[in-house]
Amino acid sequence: MYMKIRADINLGANLKKVRLSCGLTQDKVSSQLQLLGLDYSRSFYSRFESGERNIPISVIVGLTKVFNCDYNTLFDGLDSQQDN
């Protein structure tokens, strides 16, 4: 039986903020992820930003490379979401 894990913190807003600060489109991000061996389309990546899909760890690792940032940048401010 398949059980979907529900995300308790939404990383999507941070992804969008970092992506825009890098001047990248969702299409460019998905292309860069594909070059790293992570086969995600633009529409699938958009679901990460909207919070519709859980983000695999491999994608988080890949996004630090695409955005040229550290993990703290991707997770900035998320600890305050746990209090809500």
C-alpha atoms as a PDB file:
ATOM      1  CA  MET A   1       0.000   0.000   0.000  1.00  0.00           C
ATOM      2  CA  TYR A   2       1.367   3.400  -1.018  1.00  0.00           C
ATOM      3  CA  MET A   3       1.141   6.139   1.581  1.00  0.00           C
ATOM      4  CA  LYS A   4       1.796   9.762   0.684  1.00  0.00           C
ATOM      5  CA  ILE A   5       3.761  11.713   3.257  1.00  0.00           C
ATOM      6  CA  ARG A   6       2.295  15.140   3.851  1.00  0.00           C
ATOM      7  CA  ALA A   7       4.820  17.972   3.989  1.00  0.00           C
ATOM      8  CA  ASP A   8       4.685  19.804   7.292  1.00  0.00           C
ATOM      9  CA  ILE A   9       6.664  22.834   6.068  1.00  0.00           C
ATOM     10  CA  ASN A  10       6.322  24.392   2.625  1.00  0.00           C
ATOM     11  CA  LEU A  11       9.685  25.096   1.004  1.00  0.00           C
ATOM     12  CA  GLY A  12       8.063  26.362  -2.199  1.00  0.00           C
ATOM     13  CA  ALA A  13       8.002  30.076  -1.395  1.00  0.00           C
ATOM     14  CA  ASN A  14      11.720  29.977  -0.617  1.00  0.00           C
ATOM     15  CA  LEU A  15      12.457  28.162  -3.871  1.00  0.00           C
ATOM     16  CA  LYS A  16      10.578  30.785  -5.835  1.00  0.00           C
ATOM     17  CA  LYS A  17      12.296  33.648  -4.020  1.00  0.00           C
ATOM     18  CA  VAL A  18      15.772  32.198  -4.625  1.00  0.00           C
ATOM     19  CA  ARG A  19      14.955  31.307  -8.229  1.00  0.00           C
ATOM     20  CA  LEU A  20      13.779  34.840  -8.977  1.00  0.00           C
ATOM     21  CA  SER A  21      16.797  36.374  -7.233  1.00  0.00           C
ATOM     22  CA  CYS A  22      18.977  34.269  -9.572  1.00  0.00           C
ATOM     23  CA  GLY A  23      17.031  35.534 -12.574  1.00  0.00           C
ATOM     24  CA  LEU A  24      15.940  32.039 -13.593  1.00  0.00           C
ATOM     25  CA  THR A  25      12.670  30.780 -15.029  1.00  0.00           C
ATOM     26  CA  GLN A  26      11.128  27.512 -13.905  1.00  0.00           C
ATOM     27  CA  ASP A  27      11.985  26.139 -17.336  1.00  0.00           C
ATOM     28  CA  LYS A  28      15.663  27.054 -16.895  1.00  0.00           C
ATOM     29  CA  VAL A  29      15.736  25.478 -13.417  1.00  0.00           C
ATOM     30  CA  SER A  30      14.220  22.236 -14.689  1.00  0.00           C
ATOM     31  CA  SER A  31      16.736  22.215 -17.575  1.00  0.00           C
ATOM     32  CA  GLN A  32      19.616  22.674 -15.146  1.00  0.00           C
ATOM     33  CA  LEU A  33      18.262  19.890 -12.909  1.00  0.00           C
ATOM     34  CA  GLN A  34      18.079  17.613 -15.959  1.00  0.00           C
ATOM     35  CA  LEU A  35      21.739  18.344 -16.713  1.00  0.00           C
ATOM     36  CA  LEU A  36      22.455  17.117 -13.179  1.00  0.00           C
ATOM     37  CA  GLY A  37      20.607  13.860 -13.919  1.00  0.00           C
ATOM     38  CA  LEU A  38      17.360  14.861 -12.193  1.00  0.00           C
ATOM     39  CA  ASP A  39      14.648  14.434 -14.816  1.00  0.00           C
ATOM     40  CA  TYR A  40      11.936  16.913 -13.796  1.00  0.00           C
ATOM     41  CA  SER A  41       9.853  18.925 -16.253  1.00  0.00           C
ATOM     42  CA  ARG A  42       8.974  22.571 -15.714  1.00  0.00           C
ATOM     43  CA  SER A  43       5.406  21.640 -14.791  1.00  0.00           C
ATOM     44  CA  PHE A  44       6.628  19.099 -12.243  1.00  0.00           C
ATOM     45  CA  TYR A  45       9.108  21.614 -10.765  1.00  0.00           C
ATOM     46  CA  SER A  46       6.291  24.172 -10.477  1.00  0.00           C
ATOM     47  CA  ARG A  47       4.519  21.744  -8.147  1.00  0.00           C
ATOM     48  CA  PHE A  48       7.496  21.941  -5.782  1.00  0.00           C
ATOM     49  CA  GLU A  49       7.166  25.733  -5.659  1.00  0.00           C
ATOM     50  CA  SER A  50       3.395  25.583  -5.180  1.00  0.00           C
ATOM     51  CA  GLY A  51       3.700  23.036  -2.371  1.00  0.00           C
ATOM     52  CA  GLU A  52       1.710  20.410  -4.273  1.00  0.00           C
ATOM     53  CA  ARG A  53       4.621  17.931  -4.271  1.00  0.00           C
ATOM     54  CA  ASN A  54       7.133  16.894  -1.665  1.00  0.00           C
ATOM     55  CA  ILE A  55      10.679  17.723  -2.717  1.00  0.00           C
ATOM     56  CA  PRO A  56      13.103  14.798  -2.816  1.00  0.00           C
ATOM     57  CA  ILE A  57      16.441  15.322  -1.084  1.00  0.00           C
ATOM     58  CA  SER A  58      18.218  14.775  -4.404  1.00  0.00           C
ATOM     59  CA  VAL A  59      16.355  17.778  -5.829  1.00  0.00           C
ATOM     60  CA  ILE A  60      17.277  19.933  -2.828  1.00  0.00           C
ATOM     61  CA  VAL A  61      20.923  19.005  -3.345  1.00  0.00           C
ATOM     62  CA  GLY A  62      20.591  19.783  -7.051  1.00  0.00           C
ATOM     63  CA  LEU A  63      18.925  23.127  -6.404  1.00  0.00           C
ATOM     64  CA  THR A  64      21.840  24.289  -4.249  1.00  0.00           C
ATOM     65  CA  LYS A  65      24.006  23.708  -7.336  1.00  0.00           C
ATOM     66  CA  VAL A  66      21.587  25.344  -9.777  1.00  0.00           C
ATOM     67  CA  PHE A  67      21.094  28.377  -7.525  1.00  0.00           C
ATOM     68  CA  ASN A  68      24.738  28.388  -6.390  1.00  0.00           C
ATOM     69  CA  CYS A  69      23.658  28.708  -2.769  1.00  0.00           C
ATOM     70  CA  ASP A  70      23.954  26.830   0.500  1.00  0.00           C
ATOM     71  CA  TYR A  71      21.209  24.894   2.255  1.00  0.00           C
ATOM     72  CA  ASN A  72      20.616  27.708   4.731  1.00  0.00           C
ATOM     73  CA  THR A  73      19.456  29.901   1.863  1.00  0.00           C
ATOM     74  CA  LEU A  74      16.842  27.368   0.801  1.00  0.00           C
ATOM     75  CA  PHE A  75      15.618  26.829   4.366  1.00  0.00           C
ATOM     76  CA  ASP A  76      15.805  30.456   5.527  1.00  0.00           C
ATOM     77  CA  GLY A  77      12.916  31.368   7.814  1.00  0.00           C
ATOM     78  CA  LEU A  78      11.248  27.966   7.739  1.00  0.00           C
ATOM     79  CA  ASP A  79      11.717  27.389  11.470  1.00  0.00           C
ATOM     80  CA  SER A  80       9.044  30.046  12.093  1.00  0.00           C
ATOM     81  CA  GLN A  81       6.549  27.991  10.031  1.00  0.00           C
ATOM     82  CA  GLN A  82       6.696  25.208  12.633  1.00  0.00           C
ATOM     83  CA  ASP A  83       5.234  27.552  15.223  1.00  0.00           C
ATOM     84  CA  ASN A  84       2.062  28.076  13.124  1.00  0.00           C
END
